[in-house]
Amino acid sequence: MIVTVLASKQLRFTDIRTALDGISGKVLTETLRDLERDGLVERQAYAEVPPRVEYRLTPLGHTLYGPLRTLVDWAELHIPEVLAAREHYDSQRA
Protein backbone atom coordinates (compact mmCIF):
# COMPACT_ATOMS: atom_id res chain seq x y z
CA MET A 1 0.00 0.00 0.00
CA ILE A 2 2.94 2.33 0.65
CA VAL A 3 4.06 1.87 -2.95
CA THR A 4 0.65 2.90 -4.25
CA VAL A 5 0.57 5.95 -1.94
CA LEU A 6 4.02 7.08 -3.10
CA ALA A 7 3.37 6.37 -6.78
CA SER A 8 2.35 9.90 -7.68
CA LYS A 9 4.41 12.07 -5.32
CA GLN A 10 6.90 12.17 -2.52
CA LEU A 11 5.43 12.47 0.95
CA ARG A 12 6.37 13.06 4.53
CA PHE A 13 5.97 10.29 7.11
CA THR A 14 2.81 11.80 8.61
CA ASP A 15 1.21 12.18 5.17
CA ILE A 16 1.88 8.50 4.40
CA ARG A 17 0.48 7.49 7.79
CA THR A 18 -2.65 9.58 7.19
CA ALA A 19 -3.16 7.99 3.76
CA LEU A 20 -2.82 4.52 5.28
CA ASP A 21 -5.50 4.83 7.93
CA GLY A 22 -4.90 2.45 10.81
CA ILE A 23 -1.20 1.71 10.35
CA SER A 24 0.91 2.17 13.46
CA GLY A 25 3.95 4.42 13.43
CA LYS A 26 6.17 1.46 14.32
CA VAL A 27 4.91 -0.70 11.46
CA LEU A 28 5.17 2.19 9.00
CA THR A 29 8.74 2.96 10.10
CA GLU A 30 9.80 -0.68 9.80
CA THR A 31 8.15 -1.08 6.41
CA LEU A 32 9.69 2.12 5.03
CA ARG A 33 13.12 0.94 6.21
CA ASP A 34 12.60 -2.43 4.53
CA LEU A 35 11.47 -0.77 1.30
CA GLU A 36 14.48 1.54 1.43
CA ARG A 37 16.79 -1.42 2.03
CA ASP A 38 15.24 -3.21 -0.97
CA GLY A 39 15.85 -0.17 -3.17
CA LEU A 40 12.17 0.60 -3.69
CA VAL A 41 11.92 3.77 -1.59
CA GLU A 42 14.31 6.65 -1.14
CA ARG A 43 14.44 8.66 2.09
CA GLN A 44 15.49 12.31 1.84
CA ALA A 45 16.34 14.16 5.07
CA TYR A 46 16.57 17.95 4.95
CA ALA A 47 18.76 19.92 7.35
CA GLU A 48 16.02 22.21 8.58
CA VAL A 49 14.50 23.17 11.89
CA PRO A 50 12.28 21.35 12.54
CA PRO A 51 13.78 18.39 10.63
CA ARG A 52 11.94 17.33 7.49
CA VAL A 53 12.08 13.85 5.96
CA GLU A 54 10.37 12.85 2.74
CA TYR A 55 9.97 9.52 1.00
CA ARG A 56 9.58 8.75 -2.69
CA LEU A 57 9.67 5.75 -4.94
CA THR A 58 12.91 4.95 -6.69
CA PRO A 59 12.85 4.02 -10.39
CA LEU A 60 12.79 0.37 -9.26
CA GLY A 61 9.86 1.15 -6.95
CA HIS A 62 7.93 2.66 -9.84
CA THR A 63 8.28 -0.62 -11.78
CA LEU A 64 6.41 -2.33 -8.93
CA TYR A 65 3.45 0.04 -9.07
CA GLY A 66 1.88 -1.44 -12.23
CA PRO A 67 1.66 -5.01 -10.94
CA LEU A 68 0.43 -3.81 -7.55
CA ARG A 69 -2.21 -1.62 -9.19
CA THR A 70 -3.43 -4.67 -11.11
CA LEU A 71 -3.69 -6.62 -7.85
CA VAL A 72 -5.59 -3.79 -6.14
CA ASP A 73 -7.97 -3.54 -9.09
CA TRP A 74 -8.58 -7.31 -8.95
CA ALA A 75 -9.23 -7.17 -5.20
CA GLU A 76 -11.68 -4.30 -5.54
CA LEU A 77 -13.54 -6.11 -8.32
CA HIS A 78 -13.72 -9.46 -6.52
CA ILE A 79 -14.10 -8.47 -2.85
CA PRO A 80 -17.82 -9.37 -2.79
CA GLU A 81 -16.97 -12.89 -3.96
CA VAL A 82 -14.15 -13.24 -1.45
CA LEU A 83 -16.37 -12.09 1.39
CA ALA A 84 -19.14 -14.47 0.30
CA ALA A 85 -16.65 -17.35 0.18
CA ARG A 86 -15.44 -16.52 3.69
CA GLU A 87 -19.00 -16.40 4.98
CA HIS A 88 -19.80 -19.74 3.37
CA TYR A 89 -16.62 -21.31 4.76
CA ASP A 90 -17.28 -20.01 8.26
CA SER A 91 -20.91 -21.16 8.22
CA GLN A 92 -19.84 -24.69 7.25
CA ARG A 93 -17.52 -24.86 10.24
CA ALA A 94 -19.86 -23.37 12.84
PDB file of N, CA and C in Angstrom:
ATOM      1  N   MET A   1       0.816  -1.191   0.000  1.00  0.00           N
ATOM      2  CA  MET A   1       0.000   0.000   0.000  1.00  0.00           C
ATOM      3  C   MET A   1       0.864   1.261   0.000  1.00  0.00           C
ATOM      4  N   ILE A   2       2.030   1.174   0.638  1.00  0.00           N
ATOM      5  CA  ILE A   2       2.935   2.326   0.653  1.00  0.00           C
ATOM      6  C   ILE A   2       3.369   2.658  -0.769  1.00  0.00           C
ATOM      7  N   VAL A   3       3.641   1.644  -1.561  1.00  0.00           N
ATOM      8  CA  VAL A   3       4.061   1.868  -2.949  1.00  0.00           C
ATOM      9  C   VAL A   3       2.969   2.609  -3.712  1.00  0.00           C
ATOM     10  N   THR A   4       1.729   2.223  -3.516  1.00  0.00           N
ATOM     11  CA  THR A   4       0.647   2.903  -4.246  1.00  0.00           C
ATOM     12  C   THR A   4       0.468   4.340  -3.766  1.00  0.00           C
ATOM     13  N   VAL A   5       0.691   4.585  -2.479  1.00  0.00           N
ATOM     14  CA  VAL A   5       0.572   5.948  -1.941  1.00  0.00           C
ATOM     15  C   VAL A   5       1.681   6.844  -2.490  1.00  0.00           C
ATOM     16  N   LEU A   6       2.879   6.291  -2.629  1.00  0.00           N
ATOM     17  CA  LEU A   6       4.019   7.084  -3.103  1.00  0.00           C
ATOM     18  C   LEU A   6       4.148   7.115  -4.623  1.00  0.00           C
ATOM     19  N   ALA A   7       3.244   6.467  -5.324  1.00  0.00           N
ATOM     20  CA  ALA A   7       3.366   6.365  -6.779  1.00  0.00           C
ATOM     21  C   ALA A   7       3.311   7.711  -7.485  1.00  0.00           C
ATOM     22  N   SER A   8       2.537   8.646  -6.956  1.00  0.00           N
ATOM     23  CA  SER A   8       2.348   9.897  -7.677  1.00  0.00           C
ATOM     24  C   SER A   8       3.148  11.072  -7.124  1.00  0.00           C
ATOM     25  N   LYS A   9       3.657  10.946  -5.883  1.00  0.00           N
ATOM     26  CA  LYS A   9       4.406  12.074  -5.319  1.00  0.00           C
ATOM     27  C   LYS A   9       5.197  11.628  -4.104  1.00  0.00           C
ATOM     28  N   GLN A  10       6.166  12.453  -3.741  1.00  0.00           N
ATOM     29  CA  GLN A  10       6.899  12.167  -2.519  1.00  0.00           C
ATOM     30  C   GLN A  10       6.145  12.767  -1.352  1.00  0.00           C
ATOM     31  N   LEU A  11       6.218  12.076  -0.210  1.00  0.00           N
ATOM     32  CA  LEU A  11       5.429  12.469   0.945  1.00  0.00           C
ATOM     33  C   LEU A  11       6.249  12.390   2.224  1.00  0.00           C
ATOM     34  N   ARG A  12       5.801  13.145   3.204  1.00  0.00           N
ATOM     35  CA  ARG A  12       6.371  13.056   4.533  1.00  0.00           C
ATOM     36  C   ARG A  12       5.737  11.874   5.267  1.00  0.00           C
ATOM     37  N   PHE A  13       6.416  11.435   6.328  1.00  0.00           N
ATOM     38  CA  PHE A  13       5.968  10.293   7.111  1.00  0.00           C
ATOM     39  C   PHE A  13       4.512  10.455   7.546  1.00  0.00           C
ATOM     40  N   THR A  14       4.176  11.603   8.098  1.00  0.00           N
ATOM     41  CA  THR A  14       2.813  11.804   8.607  1.00  0.00           C
ATOM     42  C   THR A  14       1.768  11.761   7.485  1.00  0.00           C
ATOM     43  N   ASP A  15       2.144  12.225   6.301  1.00  0.00           N
ATOM     44  CA  ASP A  15       1.212  12.175   5.168  1.00  0.00           C
ATOM     45  C   ASP A  15       0.974  10.731   4.725  1.00  0.00           C
ATOM     46  N   ILE A  16       2.034   9.928   4.746  1.00  0.00           N
ATOM     47  CA  ILE A  16       1.884   8.505   4.401  1.00  0.00           C
ATOM     48  C   ILE A  16       0.994   7.829   5.434  1.00  0.00           C
ATOM     49  N   ARG A  17       1.261   8.109   6.705  1.00  0.00           N
ATOM     50  CA  ARG A  17       0.481   7.490   7.788  1.00  0.00           C
ATOM     51  C   ARG A  17      -0.995   7.885   7.687  1.00  0.00           C
ATOM     52  N   THR A  18      -1.274   9.123   7.352  1.00  0.00           N
ATOM     53  CA  THR A  18      -2.655   9.576   7.191  1.00  0.00           C
ATOM     54  C   THR A  18      -3.330   8.847   6.027  1.00  0.00           C
ATOM     55  N   ALA A  19      -2.600   8.667   4.935  1.00  0.00           N
ATOM     56  CA  ALA A  19      -3.157   7.990   3.761  1.00  0.00           C
ATOM     57  C   ALA A  19      -3.437   6.514   4.036  1.00  0.00           C
ATOM     58  N   LEU A  20      -2.659   5.928   4.936  1.00  0.00           N
ATOM     59  CA  LEU A  20      -2.822   4.519   5.278  1.00  0.00           C
ATOM     60  C   LEU A  20      -3.501   4.408   6.637  1.00  0.00           C
ATOM     61  N   ASP A  21      -4.725   4.796   6.683  1.00  0.00           N
ATOM     62  CA  ASP A  21      -5.496   4.830   7.928  1.00  0.00           C
ATOM     63  C   ASP A  21      -5.369   3.516   8.687  1.00  0.00           C
ATOM     64  N   GLY A  22      -4.961   3.624   9.955  1.00  0.00           N
ATOM     65  CA  GLY A  22      -4.902   2.449  10.809  1.00  0.00           C
ATOM     66  C   GLY A  22      -3.520   1.847  10.990  1.00  0.00           C
ATOM     67  N   ILE A  23      -2.545   2.267  10.206  1.00  0.00           N
ATOM     68  CA  ILE A  23      -1.204   1.713  10.346  1.00  0.00           C
ATOM     69  C   ILE A  23      -0.514   2.387  11.537  1.00  0.00           C
ATOM     70  N   SER A  24       0.205   1.593  12.318  1.00  0.00           N
ATOM     71  CA  SER A  24       0.911   2.171  13.457  1.00  0.00           C
ATOM     72  C   SER A  24       2.202   2.820  12.989  1.00  0.00           C
ATOM     73  N   GLY A  25       2.687   3.768  13.762  1.00  0.00           N
ATOM     74  CA  GLY A  25       3.948   4.421  13.434  1.00  0.00           C
ATOM     75  C   GLY A  25       5.094   3.440  13.371  1.00  0.00           C
ATOM     76  N   LYS A  26       5.099   2.470  14.278  1.00  0.00           N
ATOM     77  CA  LYS A  26       6.169   1.459  14.319  1.00  0.00           C
ATOM     78  C   LYS A  26       6.173   0.608  13.049  1.00  0.00           C
ATOM     79  N   VAL A  27       4.998   0.131  12.660  1.00  0.00           N
ATOM     80  CA  VAL A  27       4.907  -0.703  11.459  1.00  0.00           C
ATOM     81  C   VAL A  27       5.280   0.106  10.215  1.00  0.00           C
ATOM     82  N   LEU A  28       4.833   1.347  10.144  1.00  0.00           N
ATOM     83  CA  LEU A  28       5.172   2.187   8.997  1.00  0.00           C
ATOM     84  C   LEU A  28       6.672   2.430   8.936  1.00  0.00           C
ATOM     85  N   THR A  29       7.288   2.738  10.059  1.00  0.00           N
ATOM     86  CA  THR A  29       8.737   2.963  10.101  1.00  0.00           C
ATOM     87  C   THR A  29       9.494   1.726   9.645  1.00  0.00           C
ATOM     88  N   GLU A  30       9.119   0.568  10.180  1.00  0.00           N
ATOM     89  CA  GLU A  30       9.798  -0.677   9.804  1.00  0.00           C
ATOM     90  C   GLU A  30       9.627  -0.988   8.324  1.00  0.00           C
ATOM     91  N   THR A  31       8.423  -0.780   7.818  1.00  0.00           N
ATOM     92  CA  THR A  31       8.154  -1.083   6.414  1.00  0.00           C
ATOM     93  C   THR A  31       8.903  -0.127   5.496  1.00  0.00           C
ATOM     94  N   LEU A  32       8.925   1.157   5.836  1.00  0.00           N
ATOM     95  CA  LEU A  32       9.687   2.120   5.030  1.00  0.00           C
ATOM     96  C   LEU A  32      11.165   1.764   5.021  1.00  0.00           C
ATOM     97  N   ARG A  33      11.703   1.356   6.160  1.00  0.00           N
ATOM     98  CA  ARG A  33      13.118   0.945   6.208  1.00  0.00           C
ATOM     99  C   ARG A  33      13.368  -0.271   5.325  1.00  0.00           C
ATOM    100  N   ASP A  34      12.460  -1.244   5.377  1.00  0.00           N
ATOM    101  CA  ASP A  34      12.602  -2.429   4.530  1.00  0.00           C
ATOM    102  C   ASP A  34      12.537  -2.064   3.051  1.00  0.00           C
ATOM    103  N   LEU A  35      11.589  -1.193   2.692  1.00  0.00           N
ATOM    104  CA  LEU A  35      11.471  -0.770   1.296  1.00  0.00           C
ATOM    105  C   LEU A  35      12.698   0.018   0.849  1.00  0.00           C
ATOM    106  N   GLU A  36      13.251   0.803   1.749  1.00  0.00           N
ATOM    107  CA  GLU A  36      14.479   1.542   1.434  1.00  0.00           C
ATOM    108  C   GLU A  36      15.637   0.564   1.245  1.00  0.00           C
ATOM    109  N   ARG A  37      15.738  -0.397   2.124  1.00  0.00           N
ATOM    110  CA  ARG A  37      16.793  -1.419   2.029  1.00  0.00           C
ATOM    111  C   ARG A  37      16.698  -2.196   0.720  1.00  0.00           C
ATOM    112  N   ASP A  38      15.474  -2.468   0.277  1.00  0.00           N
ATOM    113  CA  ASP A  38      15.245  -3.215  -0.968  1.00  0.00           C
ATOM    114  C   ASP A  38      15.429  -2.354  -2.213  1.00  0.00           C
ATOM    115  N   GLY A  39      15.644  -1.057  -2.031  1.00  0.00           N
ATOM    116  CA  GLY A  39      15.853  -0.175  -3.173  1.00  0.00           C
ATOM    117  C   GLY A  39      14.582   0.319  -3.823  1.00  0.00           C
ATOM    118  N   LEU A  40      13.455   0.189  -3.120  1.00  0.00           N
ATOM    119  CA  LEU A  40      12.172   0.598  -3.693  1.00  0.00           C
ATOM    120  C   LEU A  40      11.760   2.002  -3.282  1.00  0.00           C
ATOM    121  N   VAL A  41      12.255   2.453  -2.127  1.00  0.00           N
ATOM    122  CA  VAL A  41      11.917   3.769  -1.589  1.00  0.00           C
ATOM    123  C   VAL A  41      13.197   4.503  -1.246  1.00  0.00           C
ATOM    124  N   GLU A  42      13.180   5.797  -1.489  1.00  0.00           N
ATOM    125  CA  GLU A  42      14.313   6.655  -1.141  1.00  0.00           C
ATOM    126  C   GLU A  42      13.871   7.617  -0.045  1.00  0.00           C
ATOM    127  N   ARG A  43      14.713   7.760   0.958  1.00  0.00           N
ATOM    128  CA  ARG A  43      14.441   8.664   2.093  1.00  0.00           C
ATOM    129  C   ARG A  43      15.340   9.881   1.936  1.00  0.00           C
ATOM    130  N   GLN A  44      14.734  11.060   1.969  1.00  0.00           N
ATOM    131  CA  GLN A  44      15.486  12.311   1.844  1.00  0.00           C
ATOM    132  C   GLN A  44      15.293  13.129   3.109  1.00  0.00           C
ATOM    133  N   ALA A  45      16.386  13.348   3.851  1.00  0.00           N
ATOM    134  CA  ALA A  45      16.343  14.161   5.066  1.00  0.00           C
ATOM    135  C   ALA A  45      16.884  15.544   4.740  1.00  0.00           C
ATOM    136  N   TYR A  46      16.176  16.568   5.185  1.00  0.00           N
ATOM    137  CA  TYR A  46      16.572  17.952   4.946  1.00  0.00           C
ATOM    138  C   TYR A  46      17.076  18.562   6.252  1.00  0.00           C
ATOM    139  N   ALA A  47      18.171  19.277   6.169  1.00  0.00           N
ATOM    140  CA  ALA A  47      18.762  19.921   7.347  1.00  0.00           C
ATOM    141  C   ALA A  47      18.023  21.213   7.644  1.00  0.00           C
ATOM    142  N   GLU A  48      16.871  21.080   8.241  1.00  0.00           N
ATOM    143  CA  GLU A  48      16.019  22.213   8.578  1.00  0.00           C
ATOM    144  C   GLU A  48      15.591  22.104  10.033  1.00  0.00           C
ATOM    145  N   VAL A  49      15.076  23.178  10.555  1.00  0.00           N
ATOM    146  CA  VAL A  49      14.497  23.169  11.890  1.00  0.00           C
ATOM    147  C   VAL A  49      13.034  23.579  11.751  1.00  0.00           C
ATOM    148  N   PRO A  50      12.087  22.723  12.089  1.00  0.00           N
ATOM    149  CA  PRO A  50      12.281  21.348  12.536  1.00  0.00           C
ATOM    150  C   PRO A  50      12.718  20.452  11.376  1.00  0.00           C
ATOM    151  N   PRO A  51      13.312  19.291  11.690  1.00  0.00           N
ATOM    152  CA  PRO A  51      13.779  18.389  10.631  1.00  0.00           C
ATOM    153  C   PRO A  51      12.626  17.956   9.722  1.00  0.00           C
ATOM    154  N   ARG A  52      12.940  17.780   8.473  1.00  0.00           N
ATOM    155  CA  ARG A  52      11.936  17.330   7.494  1.00  0.00           C
ATOM    156  C   ARG A  52      12.502  16.127   6.751  1.00  0.00           C
ATOM    157  N   VAL A  53      11.705  15.069   6.673  1.00  0.00           N
ATOM    158  CA  VAL A  53      12.084  13.852   5.958  1.00  0.00           C
ATOM    159  C   VAL A  53      10.969  13.521   4.985  1.00  0.00           C
ATOM    160  N   GLU A  54      11.346  13.230   3.756  1.00  0.00           N
ATOM    161  CA  GLU A  54      10.368  12.854   2.736  1.00  0.00           C
ATOM    162  C   GLU A  54      10.769  11.528   2.105  1.00  0.00           C
ATOM    163  N   TYR A  55       9.759  10.824   1.631  1.00  0.00           N
ATOM    164  CA  TYR A  55       9.965   9.525   0.996  1.00  0.00           C
ATOM    165  C   TYR A  55       9.403   9.572  -0.414  1.00  0.00           C
ATOM    166  N   ARG A  56      10.073   8.871  -1.313  1.00  0.00           N
ATOM    167  CA  ARG A  56       9.582   8.754  -2.686  1.00  0.00           C
ATOM    168  C   ARG A  56      10.011   7.417  -3.248  1.00  0.00           C
ATOM    169  N   LEU A  57       9.300   6.987  -4.273  1.00  0.00           N
ATOM    170  CA  LEU A  57       9.671   5.746  -4.935  1.00  0.00           C
ATOM    171  C   LEU A  57      10.928   5.956  -5.762  1.00  0.00           C
ATOM    172  N   THR A  58      11.757   4.950  -5.798  1.00  0.00           N
ATOM    173  CA  THR A  58      12.911   4.946  -6.693  1.00  0.00           C
ATOM    174  C   THR A  58      12.419   4.494  -8.078  1.00  0.00           C
ATOM    175  N   PRO A  59      13.263   4.578  -9.089  1.00  0.00           N
ATOM    176  CA  PRO A  59      12.852   4.023 -10.387  1.00  0.00           C
ATOM    177  C   PRO A  59      12.446   2.548 -10.278  1.00  0.00           C
ATOM    178  N   LEU A  60      13.160   1.767  -9.468  1.00  0.00           N
ATOM    179  CA  LEU A  60      12.786   0.371  -9.260  1.00  0.00           C
ATOM    180  C   LEU A  60      11.423   0.270  -8.594  1.00  0.00           C
ATOM    181  N   GLY A  61      11.158   1.130  -7.621  1.00  0.00           N
ATOM    182  CA  GLY A  61       9.865   1.147  -6.952  1.00  0.00           C
ATOM    183  C   GLY A  61       8.722   1.453  -7.902  1.00  0.00           C
ATOM    184  N   HIS A  62       8.973   2.337  -8.856  1.00  0.00           N
ATOM    185  CA  HIS A  62       7.932   2.662  -9.845  1.00  0.00           C
ATOM    186  C   HIS A  62       7.608   1.457 -10.726  1.00  0.00           C
ATOM    187  N   THR A  63       8.570   0.574 -10.966  1.00  0.00           N
ATOM    188  CA  THR A  63       8.278  -0.618 -11.775  1.00  0.00           C
ATOM    189  C   THR A  63       7.350  -1.575 -11.047  1.00  0.00           C
ATOM    190  N   LEU A  64       7.286  -1.471  -9.727  1.00  0.00           N
ATOM    191  CA  LEU A  64       6.413  -2.334  -8.933  1.00  0.00           C
ATOM    192  C   LEU A  64       4.975  -1.821  -8.906  1.00  0.00           C
ATOM    193  N   TYR A  65       4.780  -0.551  -9.166  1.00  0.00           N
ATOM    194  CA  TYR A  65       3.451   0.042  -9.069  1.00  0.00           C
ATOM    195  C   TYR A  65       2.445  -0.618 -10.016  1.00  0.00           C
ATOM    196  N   GLY A  66       2.804  -0.847 -11.248  1.00  0.00           N
ATOM    197  CA  GLY A  66       1.879  -1.439 -12.232  1.00  0.00           C
ATOM    198  C   GLY A  66       1.314  -2.781 -11.777  1.00  0.00           C
ATOM    199  N   PRO A  67       2.184  -3.734 -11.427  1.00  0.00           N
ATOM    200  CA  PRO A  67       1.659  -5.015 -10.943  1.00  0.00           C
ATOM    201  C   PRO A  67       0.821  -4.877  -9.669  1.00  0.00           C
ATOM    202  N   LEU A  68       1.221  -4.005  -8.764  1.00  0.00           N
ATOM    203  CA  LEU A  68       0.427  -3.811  -7.547  1.00  0.00           C
ATOM    204  C   LEU A  68      -0.923  -3.188  -7.864  1.00  0.00           C
ATOM    205  N   ARG A  69      -0.949  -2.247  -8.795  1.00  0.00           N
ATOM    206  CA  ARG A  69      -2.209  -1.620  -9.188  1.00  0.00           C
ATOM    207  C   ARG A  69      -3.157  -2.669  -9.774  1.00  0.00           C
ATOM    208  N   THR A  70      -2.620  -3.602 -10.552  1.00  0.00           N
ATOM    209  CA  THR A  70      -3.428  -4.675 -11.111  1.00  0.00           C
ATOM    210  C   THR A  70      -4.022  -5.534  -9.996  1.00  0.00           C
ATOM    211  N   LEU A  71      -3.214  -5.831  -8.980  1.00  0.00           N
ATOM    212  CA  LEU A  71      -3.691  -6.623  -7.851  1.00  0.00           C
ATOM    213  C   LEU A  71      -4.778  -5.872  -7.075  1.00  0.00           C
ATOM    214  N   VAL A  72      -4.583  -4.596  -6.840  1.00  0.00           N
ATOM    215  CA  VAL A  72      -5.586  -3.786  -6.139  1.00  0.00           C
ATOM    216  C   VAL A  72      -6.885  -3.752  -6.941  1.00  0.00           C
ATOM    217  N   ASP A  73      -6.778  -3.560  -8.241  1.00  0.00           N
ATOM    218  CA  ASP A  73      -7.973  -3.540  -9.094  1.00  0.00           C
ATOM    219  C   ASP A  73      -8.721  -4.871  -9.012  1.00  0.00           C
ATOM    220  N   TRP A  74      -7.967  -5.985  -9.047  1.00  0.00           N
ATOM    221  CA  TRP A  74      -8.579  -7.307  -8.945  1.00  0.00           C
ATOM    222  C   TRP A  74      -9.299  -7.447  -7.610  1.00  0.00           C
ATOM    223  N   ALA A  75      -8.642  -7.047  -6.529  1.00  0.00           N
ATOM    224  CA  ALA A  75      -9.234  -7.171  -5.197  1.00  0.00           C
ATOM    225  C   ALA A  75     -10.511  -6.351  -5.087  1.00  0.00           C
ATOM    226  N   GLU A  76     -10.494  -5.141  -5.609  1.00  0.00           N
ATOM    227  CA  GLU A  76     -11.685  -4.296  -5.545  1.00  0.00           C
ATOM    228  C   GLU A  76     -12.839  -4.894  -6.354  1.00  0.00           C
ATOM    229  N   LEU A  77     -12.514  -5.508  -7.478  1.00  0.00           N
ATOM    230  CA  LEU A  77     -13.544  -6.115  -8.323  1.00  0.00           C
ATOM    231  C   LEU A  77     -14.135  -7.368  -7.692  1.00  0.00           C
ATOM    232  N   HIS A  78     -13.299  -8.149  -7.013  1.00  0.00           N
ATOM    233  CA  HIS A  78     -13.721  -9.457  -6.522  1.00  0.00           C
ATOM    234  C   HIS A  78     -13.973  -9.527  -5.014  1.00  0.00           C
ATOM    235  N   ILE A  79     -13.907  -8.421  -4.308  1.00  0.00           N
ATOM    236  CA  ILE A  79     -14.101  -8.467  -2.852  1.00  0.00           C
ATOM    237  C   ILE A  79     -15.463  -9.037  -2.458  1.00  0.00           C
ATOM    238  N   PRO A  80     -16.547  -8.748  -3.184  1.00  0.00           N
ATOM    239  CA  PRO A  80     -17.819  -9.367  -2.786  1.00  0.00           C
ATOM    240  C   PRO A  80     -17.761 -10.901  -2.841  1.00  0.00           C
ATOM    241  N   GLU A  81     -17.091 -11.440  -3.850  1.00  0.00           N
ATOM    242  CA  GLU A  81     -16.975 -12.893  -3.960  1.00  0.00           C
ATOM    243  C   GLU A  81     -16.108 -13.473  -2.853  1.00  0.00           C
ATOM    244  N   VAL A  82     -15.033 -12.778  -2.520  1.00  0.00           N
ATOM    245  CA  VAL A  82     -14.149 -13.241  -1.450  1.00  0.00           C
ATOM    246  C   VAL A  82     -14.899 -13.229  -0.118  1.00  0.00           C
ATOM    247  N   LEU A  83     -15.618 -12.165   0.146  1.00  0.00           N
ATOM    248  CA  LEU A  83     -16.375 -12.085   1.393  1.00  0.00           C
ATOM    249  C   LEU A  83     -17.466 -13.160   1.463  1.00  0.00           C
ATOM    250  N   ALA A  84     -18.115 -13.417   0.342  1.00  0.00           N
ATOM    251  CA  ALA A  84     -19.138 -14.473   0.305  1.00  0.00           C
ATOM    252  C   ALA A  84     -18.504 -15.841   0.549  1.00  0.00           C
ATOM    253  N   ALA A  85     -17.345 -16.081  -0.032  1.00  0.00           N
ATOM    254  CA  ALA A  85     -16.652 -17.353   0.182  1.00  0.00           C
ATOM    255  C   ALA A  85     -16.257 -17.517   1.640  1.00  0.00           C
ATOM    256  N   ARG A  86     -15.791 -16.456   2.264  1.00  0.00           N
ATOM    257  CA  ARG A  86     -15.438 -16.523   3.693  1.00  0.00           C
ATOM    258  C   ARG A  86     -16.662 -16.847   4.538  1.00  0.00           C
ATOM    259  N   GLU A  87     -17.771 -16.171   4.231  1.00  0.00           N
ATOM    260  CA  GLU A  87     -19.000 -16.398   4.985  1.00  0.00           C
ATOM    261  C   GLU A  87     -19.462 -17.846   4.840  1.00  0.00           C
ATOM    262  N   HIS A  88     -19.415 -18.353   3.629  1.00  0.00           N
ATOM    263  CA  HIS A  88     -19.802 -19.741   3.373  1.00  0.00           C
ATOM    264  C   HIS A  88     -18.881 -20.697   4.126  1.00  0.00           C
ATOM    265  N   TYR A  89     -17.606 -20.479   4.072  1.00  0.00           N
ATOM    266  CA  TYR A  89     -16.623 -21.309   4.759  1.00  0.00           C
ATOM    267  C   TYR A  89     -16.883 -21.311   6.256  1.00  0.00           C
ATOM    268  N   ASP A  90     -17.060 -20.127   6.817  1.00  0.00           N
ATOM    269  CA  ASP A  90     -17.279 -20.008   8.262  1.00  0.00           C
ATOM    270  C   ASP A  90     -18.588 -20.687   8.687  1.00  0.00           C
ATOM    271  N   SER A  91     -19.627 -20.559   7.862  1.00  0.00           N
ATOM    272  CA  SER A  91     -20.914 -21.162   8.225  1.00  0.00           C
ATOM    273  C   SER A  91     -20.846 -22.697   8.176  1.00  0.00           C
ATOM    274  N   GLN A  92     -20.006 -23.241   7.335  1.00  0.00           N
ATOM    275  CA  GLN A  92     -19.842 -24.688   7.248  1.00  0.00           C
ATOM    276  C   GLN A  92     -19.094 -25.250   8.447  1.00  0.00           C
ATOM    277  N   ARG A  93     -18.322 -24.403   9.116  1.00  0.00           N
ATOM    278  CA  ARG A  93     -17.517 -24.856  10.239  1.00  0.00           C
ATOM    279  C   ARG A  93     -18.112 -24.487  11.582  1.00  0.00           C
ATOM    280  N   ALA A  94     -19.230 -23.807  11.571  1.00  0.00           N
ATOM    281  CA  ALA A  94     -19.861 -23.365  12.836  1.00  0.00           C
ATOM    282  C   ALA A  94     -20.695 -24.476  13.451  1.00  0.00           C
TER     283      ALA A  94
END
